[in-house]
Amino acid sequence: MRRSLPVSAALVILIGTEALVGFWAQLAPRAFYDHFPGFGVWVAGDGPYNEHLIRDVGGLHLGLTLLCVLALWAPRLVSPRAVGGATLAYGAPHLAYHLTHLASVPVRADQVSSVAGLVMAVAVSAALLWPTAAPRDPRSVP
């Protein structure tokens, strides 16, 4: 089964972002808490450090990474629309939380870039839900 270029691009974007967050939070939870996303402090301002919670977030993102990879390389096993639903189920409430807790990120530029990144993730996830005319496999014509 072939995917359209926009669907493949959306999956690659999600793989990159989910894997970055997942591996960082799993492999270096304290550094993730103190320094995510690497230019600013988006996590530490929202409460005390909790290694268990950070590692759980990392595991969630690694699970979503695997789902995205399977949709990219084995779309008969996992559909891109399923990925869109799963990542949107996580991403939309995450965005809503950050929109209502902007004060936890004290620097205005970080507030804007944080929300922009979350909006992008929600938009990419929602785009995967949009019905598209997938390229037909010529061998499937009766």
Protein backbone atom coordinates (compact mmCIF):
# COMPACT_ATOMS: atom_id res chain seq x y z
CA MET A 1 0.00 0.00 0.00
CA ARG A 2 1.44 3.35 -1.02
CA ARG A 3 0.93 6.62 0.80
CA SER A 4 0.79 10.11 -0.57
CA LEU A 5 3.79 12.36 -0.08
CA PRO A 6 1.96 14.62 2.44
CA VAL A 7 0.99 11.61 4.57
CA SER A 8 4.56 10.29 4.50
CA ALA A 9 5.90 13.76 5.38
CA ALA A 10 3.46 14.05 8.30
CA LEU A 11 4.55 10.67 9.63
CA VAL A 12 8.23 11.59 9.33
CA ILE A 13 7.62 14.86 11.21
CA LEU A 14 5.83 13.00 13.99
CA ILE A 15 8.54 10.32 14.14
CA GLY A 16 11.21 12.99 14.59
CA THR A 17 9.43 14.98 17.26
CA GLU A 18 8.10 11.99 19.20
CA ALA A 19 11.48 10.22 19.13
CA LEU A 20 13.36 13.33 20.29
CA VAL A 21 11.10 13.82 23.30
CA GLY A 22 10.86 10.11 24.06
CA PHE A 23 14.55 9.26 23.98
CA TRP A 24 15.61 12.42 25.81
CA ALA A 25 13.05 11.91 28.60
CA GLN A 26 13.94 8.21 28.94
CA LEU A 27 17.72 8.47 28.75
CA ALA A 28 18.29 11.75 30.63
CA PRO A 29 15.15 12.61 32.60
CA ARG A 30 16.78 15.26 34.78
CA ALA A 31 18.34 17.01 31.77
CA PHE A 32 14.97 16.84 30.00
CA TYR A 33 13.29 18.46 33.00
CA ASP A 34 15.95 21.14 33.39
CA HIS A 35 16.60 21.99 29.74
CA PHE A 36 13.82 20.88 27.38
CA PRO A 37 13.69 21.90 24.50
CA GLY A 38 17.35 22.94 24.67
CA PHE A 39 16.83 26.69 24.44
CA GLY A 40 14.69 27.71 27.36
CA VAL A 41 13.00 25.94 30.22
CA TRP A 42 9.56 24.62 29.31
CA VAL A 43 9.15 21.79 31.84
CA ALA A 44 10.91 22.89 35.04
CA GLY A 45 8.66 25.92 35.54
CA ASP A 46 5.62 23.72 35.98
CA GLY A 47 6.41 21.99 39.25
CA PRO A 48 9.02 19.97 41.09
CA TYR A 49 11.13 17.33 39.37
CA ASN A 50 9.55 13.88 39.26
CA GLU A 51 11.70 11.26 37.53
CA HIS A 52 8.85 8.77 37.35
CA LEU A 53 6.58 11.23 35.55
CA ILE A 54 9.33 12.31 33.13
CA ARG A 55 10.14 8.71 32.26
CA ASP A 56 6.43 7.94 31.79
CA VAL A 57 6.21 10.86 29.34
CA GLY A 58 9.27 9.50 27.55
CA GLY A 59 7.66 6.07 27.31
CA LEU A 60 4.46 7.59 25.92
CA HIS A 61 6.41 9.41 23.22
CA LEU A 62 8.42 6.31 22.34
CA GLY A 63 5.17 4.35 22.00
CA LEU A 64 3.81 7.02 19.66
CA THR A 65 7.12 6.91 17.76
CA LEU A 66 6.71 3.17 17.20
CA LEU A 67 3.12 3.68 16.04
CA CYS A 68 4.28 6.33 13.54
CA VAL A 69 7.11 4.12 12.26
CA LEU A 70 4.71 1.22 11.74
CA ALA A 71 2.28 3.45 9.86
CA LEU A 72 5.12 4.62 7.62
CA TRP A 73 6.63 1.20 6.90
CA ALA A 74 3.70 -1.15 7.46
CA PRO A 75 0.53 0.82 6.67
CA ARG A 76 -1.51 -2.38 6.41
CA LEU A 77 -0.66 -3.02 10.05
CA VAL A 78 -1.19 0.54 11.35
CA SER A 79 -3.04 3.13 9.30
CA PRO A 80 -1.87 6.74 9.20
CA ARG A 81 -5.39 7.72 10.28
CA ALA A 82 -4.98 5.64 13.46
CA VAL A 83 -1.74 7.50 14.11
CA GLY A 84 -3.52 10.81 13.59
CA GLY A 85 -6.18 9.82 16.11
CA ALA A 86 -3.69 8.58 18.70
CA THR A 87 -1.37 11.57 18.46
CA LEU A 88 -4.31 13.98 18.45
CA ALA A 89 -5.77 12.31 21.55
CA TYR A 90 -2.53 13.17 23.33
CA GLY A 91 -1.64 16.42 21.57
CA ALA A 92 -4.91 18.36 21.78
CA PRO A 93 -5.23 18.19 25.60
CA HIS A 94 -1.49 18.86 25.88
CA LEU A 95 -1.92 22.02 23.80
CA ALA A 96 -4.98 23.06 25.83
CA TYR A 97 -3.03 22.66 29.06
CA HIS A 98 -0.18 24.82 27.84
CA LEU A 99 -2.52 27.49 26.50
CA THR A 100 -4.01 27.83 29.98
CA HIS A 101 -0.67 27.69 31.82
CA LEU A 102 1.51 30.11 29.86
CA ALA A 103 2.84 31.67 33.06
CA SER A 104 4.84 28.51 33.81
CA VAL A 105 7.10 29.52 30.91
CA PRO A 106 8.22 33.02 31.90
CA VAL A 107 9.97 34.10 28.69
CA ARG A 108 7.53 35.37 26.03
CA ALA A 109 9.54 33.95 23.12
CA ASP A 110 9.47 30.52 24.80
CA GLN A 111 5.71 30.80 25.30
CA VAL A 112 5.24 31.54 21.61
CA SER A 113 7.60 28.80 20.39
CA SER A 114 6.15 26.25 22.81
CA VAL A 115 2.58 26.91 21.69
CA ALA A 116 3.65 27.04 18.02
CA GLY A 117 5.27 23.61 18.31
CA LEU A 118 2.21 22.16 19.99
CA VAL A 119 -0.12 23.70 17.41
CA MET A 120 2.04 22.22 14.65
CA ALA A 121 1.85 18.76 16.25
CA VAL A 122 -1.94 19.00 16.55
CA ALA A 123 -2.26 20.24 12.95
CA VAL A 124 -0.08 17.40 11.60
CA SER A 125 -2.07 14.87 13.63
CA ALA A 126 -5.38 16.28 12.44
CA ALA A 127 -4.17 16.28 8.84
CA LEU A 128 -3.62 12.52 9.07
CA LEU A 129 -7.32 12.15 9.87
CA TRP A 130 -8.34 13.94 6.69
CA PRO A 131 -9.58 11.47 4.10
CA THR A 132 -7.30 11.40 1.10
CA ALA A 133 -7.40 9.59 -2.17
CA ALA A 134 -4.50 7.21 -1.78
CA PRO A 135 -2.62 6.29 -4.94
CA ARG A 136 -4.08 3.05 -6.26
CA ASP A 137 -1.97 0.01 -6.74
CA PRO A 138 -2.39 -0.89 -10.44
CA ARG A 139 -2.28 -4.58 -9.49
CA SER A 140 -5.50 -4.17 -7.45
CA VAL A 141 -7.65 -3.24 -10.45
CA PRO A 142 -10.20 -6.04 -11.09
